[in-house]
């Protein structure tokens, strides 16, 4: 016995195919904002030792920079 997709009335249901639409402009903007915040977070951390030596800042100040970056990254991260 073969089972086909049929409606309640017994009429065969054909699959509907639609061409995928590109996401709206807002989706692309949110994606770009999300990428930039993630990229900046990954870009800043390896540079922190260089920033500490070049700018002659204390470890407390460097830790504060990391904390501020983390807070702003959490608060300003787009959904």
N, C-alpha and C. Protein backbone atom coordinates (compact mmCIF):
# COMPACT_ATOMS: atom_id res chain seq x y z
N UNK A 1 0.84 -1.17 0.00
CA UNK A 1 0.00 0.00 0.00
C UNK A 1 0.89 1.25 0.00
N UNK A 2 0.63 2.14 -0.91
CA UNK A 2 1.41 3.37 -1.04
C UNK A 2 0.62 4.52 -0.43
N UNK A 3 1.33 5.33 0.37
CA UNK A 3 0.67 6.46 1.02
C UNK A 3 1.12 7.73 0.33
N UNK A 4 0.16 8.51 -0.17
CA UNK A 4 0.43 9.80 -0.79
C UNK A 4 -0.09 10.90 0.11
N UNK A 5 0.45 12.09 -0.10
CA UNK A 5 -0.07 13.24 0.64
C UNK A 5 -1.39 13.64 0.03
N UNK A 6 -2.45 13.46 0.77
CA UNK A 6 -3.78 13.82 0.28
C UNK A 6 -4.49 14.65 1.33
N UNK A 7 -5.43 15.43 0.87
CA UNK A 7 -6.23 16.22 1.80
C UNK A 7 -7.34 15.36 2.36
N UNK A 8 -8.17 15.95 3.19
CA UNK A 8 -9.28 15.23 3.81
C UNK A 8 -10.26 14.74 2.75
N UNK A 9 -10.40 15.49 1.67
CA UNK A 9 -11.36 15.12 0.62
C UNK A 9 -10.80 14.06 -0.32
N UNK A 10 -9.55 13.70 -0.16
CA UNK A 10 -8.96 12.68 -1.01
C UNK A 10 -8.23 13.25 -2.21
N UNK A 11 -8.18 14.56 -2.34
CA UNK A 11 -7.49 15.20 -3.45
C UNK A 11 -5.99 15.20 -3.16
N UNK A 12 -5.20 14.86 -4.17
CA UNK A 12 -3.76 14.82 -3.98
C UNK A 12 -3.21 16.23 -3.80
N UNK A 13 -2.32 16.38 -2.82
CA UNK A 13 -1.73 17.69 -2.52
C UNK A 13 -0.36 17.75 -3.18
N UNK A 14 -0.17 18.76 -4.01
CA UNK A 14 1.10 18.96 -4.69
C UNK A 14 1.98 19.89 -3.85
N UNK A 15 3.28 19.62 -3.80
CA UNK A 15 4.16 20.51 -3.04
C UNK A 15 4.25 21.89 -3.71
N UNK A 16 4.37 22.90 -2.89
CA UNK A 16 4.47 24.26 -3.38
C UNK A 16 5.94 24.67 -3.30
N UNK A 17 6.48 25.11 -4.40
CA UNK A 17 7.86 25.58 -4.41
C UNK A 17 7.86 27.07 -4.69
N UNK A 18 8.62 27.78 -3.89
CA UNK A 18 8.76 29.22 -4.07
C UNK A 18 10.23 29.57 -4.07
N UNK A 19 10.55 30.58 -4.84
CA UNK A 19 11.92 31.06 -4.85
C UNK A 19 12.18 31.82 -3.55
N UNK A 20 13.30 31.53 -2.92
CA UNK A 20 13.64 32.18 -1.65
C UNK A 20 13.93 33.66 -1.89
N UNK A 21 13.39 34.48 -1.02
CA UNK A 21 13.63 35.92 -1.10
C UNK A 21 14.82 36.27 -0.21
N UNK A 22 15.53 37.30 -0.59
CA UNK A 22 16.61 37.79 0.26
C UNK A 22 16.01 38.42 1.50
N UNK A 23 16.70 38.31 2.63
CA UNK A 23 16.18 38.92 3.86
C UNK A 23 16.06 40.43 3.71
N UNK A 24 15.18 41.03 4.48
CA UNK A 24 15.04 42.48 4.41
C UNK A 24 16.30 43.21 4.84
N UNK A 25 16.31 44.48 4.55
CA UNK A 25 17.46 45.32 4.84
C UNK A 25 17.83 45.29 6.33
N UNK A 26 16.83 45.24 7.19
CA UNK A 26 17.08 45.25 8.63
C UNK A 26 17.84 44.01 9.09
N UNK A 27 17.58 42.88 8.46
CA UNK A 27 18.29 41.65 8.82
C UNK A 27 19.77 41.78 8.47
N UNK A 28 20.05 42.35 7.32
CA UNK A 28 21.45 42.54 6.93
C UNK A 28 22.15 43.53 7.86
N UNK A 29 21.44 44.57 8.26
CA UNK A 29 22.04 45.55 9.17
C UNK A 29 22.32 44.93 10.54
N UNK A 30 21.39 44.15 11.04
CA UNK A 30 21.61 43.48 12.33
C UNK A 30 22.76 42.49 12.24
N UNK A 31 22.87 41.79 11.11
CA UNK A 31 23.97 40.85 10.92
C UNK A 31 25.31 41.57 10.89
N UNK A 32 25.36 42.71 10.21
CA UNK A 32 26.60 43.48 10.14
C UNK A 32 26.99 44.03 11.51
N UNK A 33 26.00 44.50 12.27
CA UNK A 33 26.29 45.01 13.61
C UNK A 33 26.78 43.90 14.52
N UNK A 34 26.16 42.74 14.44
CA UNK A 34 26.57 41.60 15.25
C UNK A 34 27.99 41.17 14.89
N UNK A 35 28.28 41.12 13.59
CA UNK A 35 29.62 40.74 13.15
C UNK A 35 30.67 41.74 13.65
N UNK A 36 30.35 43.03 13.56
CA UNK A 36 31.35 44.04 13.95
C UNK A 36 31.64 43.99 15.45
N UNK A 37 30.62 43.76 16.29
CA UNK A 37 30.89 43.68 17.72
C UNK A 37 31.67 42.42 18.07
N UNK A 38 31.36 41.31 17.42
CA UNK A 38 32.12 40.08 17.66
C UNK A 38 33.55 40.20 17.15
N UNK A 39 33.71 40.84 15.99
CA UNK A 39 35.04 41.00 15.42
C UNK A 39 35.90 41.90 16.31
N UNK A 40 35.32 42.98 16.80
CA UNK A 40 36.08 43.91 17.65
C UNK A 40 36.51 43.23 18.93
N UNK A 41 35.63 42.43 19.51
CA UNK A 41 35.98 41.72 20.75
C UNK A 41 37.13 40.75 20.51
N UNK A 42 37.13 40.05 19.41
CA UNK A 42 38.21 39.13 19.09
C UNK A 42 39.48 39.83 18.65
N UNK A 43 39.34 41.03 18.12
CA UNK A 43 40.48 41.79 17.63
C UNK A 43 41.21 42.51 18.76
N UNK A 44 40.47 42.94 19.77
CA UNK A 44 41.05 43.75 20.85
C UNK A 44 41.89 42.91 21.82
N UNK A 45 41.43 41.73 22.15
CA UNK A 45 42.10 40.91 23.17
C UNK A 45 43.56 40.60 22.85
N UNK A 46 43.90 40.16 21.64
CA UNK A 46 45.32 39.90 21.36
C UNK A 46 46.19 41.16 21.35
N UNK A 47 45.57 42.31 21.11
CA UNK A 47 46.33 43.56 21.08
C UNK A 47 46.53 44.17 22.46
N UNK A 48 45.87 43.65 23.47
CA UNK A 48 45.94 44.24 24.81
C UNK A 48 47.37 44.31 25.36
N UNK A 49 48.20 43.28 25.25
CA UNK A 49 49.59 43.42 25.74
C UNK A 49 50.37 44.52 25.02
N UNK A 50 50.13 44.69 23.75
CA UNK A 50 50.82 45.75 23.00
C UNK A 50 50.33 47.12 23.46
N UNK A 51 49.02 47.23 23.67
CA UNK A 51 48.45 48.50 24.15
C UNK A 51 49.01 48.85 25.52
N UNK A 52 49.15 47.86 26.39
CA UNK A 52 49.68 48.10 27.74
C UNK A 52 51.11 48.62 27.67
N UNK A 53 51.95 48.02 26.83
CA UNK A 53 53.35 48.45 26.77
C UNK A 53 53.51 49.78 26.02
N UNK A 54 52.80 49.96 24.93
CA UNK A 54 52.95 51.20 24.14
C UNK A 54 52.39 52.42 24.86
N UNK A 55 51.27 52.25 25.55
CA UNK A 55 50.62 53.38 26.22
C UNK A 55 51.03 53.49 27.68
N UNK A 56 51.82 52.53 28.15
CA UNK A 56 52.32 52.52 29.53
C UNK A 56 51.18 52.67 30.54
N UNK A 57 50.19 51.76 30.41
CA UNK A 57 49.07 51.78 31.35
C UNK A 57 49.23 50.63 32.35
N UNK A 58 48.60 50.78 33.48
CA UNK A 58 48.72 49.77 34.53
C UNK A 58 47.83 48.56 34.21
N UNK A 59 48.07 47.48 34.94
CA UNK A 59 47.25 46.29 34.74
C UNK A 59 45.81 46.52 35.20
N UNK A 60 45.64 47.40 36.18
CA UNK A 60 44.28 47.75 36.62
C UNK A 60 43.53 48.45 35.49
N UNK A 61 44.20 49.37 34.82
CA UNK A 61 43.58 50.07 33.70
C UNK A 61 43.29 49.10 32.55
N UNK A 62 44.20 48.17 32.30
CA UNK A 62 43.98 47.18 31.25
C UNK A 62 42.78 46.29 31.59
N UNK A 63 42.69 45.89 32.86
CA UNK A 63 41.54 45.11 33.29
C UNK A 63 40.25 45.89 33.18
N UNK A 64 40.32 47.19 33.46
CA UNK A 64 39.14 48.04 33.32
C UNK A 64 38.71 48.13 31.86
N UNK A 65 39.67 48.22 30.96
CA UNK A 65 39.34 48.24 29.53
C UNK A 65 38.61 46.96 29.11
N UNK A 66 39.10 45.83 29.60
CA UNK A 66 38.46 44.55 29.27
C UNK A 66 37.05 44.50 29.85
N UNK A 67 36.90 44.98 31.09
CA UNK A 67 35.57 44.97 31.72
C UNK A 67 34.60 45.88 30.97
N UNK A 68 35.05 47.07 30.61
CA UNK A 68 34.19 47.99 29.87
C UNK A 68 33.82 47.42 28.51
N UNK A 69 34.79 46.81 27.84
CA UNK A 69 34.51 46.18 26.55
C UNK A 69 33.47 45.07 26.70
N UNK A 70 33.60 44.26 27.73
CA UNK A 70 32.64 43.17 27.94
C UNK A 70 31.25 43.69 28.25
N UNK A 71 31.18 44.73 29.07
CA UNK A 71 29.87 45.30 29.41
C UNK A 71 29.20 45.89 28.18
N UNK A 72 29.93 46.70 27.43
CA UNK A 72 29.34 47.30 26.24
C UNK A 72 29.02 46.25 25.18
N UNK A 73 29.84 45.22 25.09
CA UNK A 73 29.57 44.15 24.14
C UNK A 73 28.28 43.43 24.51
N UNK A 74 28.03 43.25 25.79
CA UNK A 74 26.81 42.58 26.23
C UNK A 74 25.59 43.47 26.05
N UNK A 75 25.72 44.75 26.37
CA UNK A 75 24.57 45.65 26.31
C UNK A 75 24.21 46.07 24.89
N UNK A 76 25.21 46.27 24.07
CA UNK A 76 24.96 46.79 22.73
C UNK A 76 24.86 45.72 21.66
N UNK A 77 24.99 44.47 22.05
CA UNK A 77 24.92 43.38 21.09
C UNK A 77 23.52 43.29 20.49
N UNK A 78 23.42 43.42 19.18
CA UNK A 78 22.09 43.25 18.59
C UNK A 78 21.64 41.81 18.69
N UNK A 79 20.37 41.64 18.70
CA UNK A 79 19.80 40.30 18.84
C UNK A 79 20.23 39.51 17.68
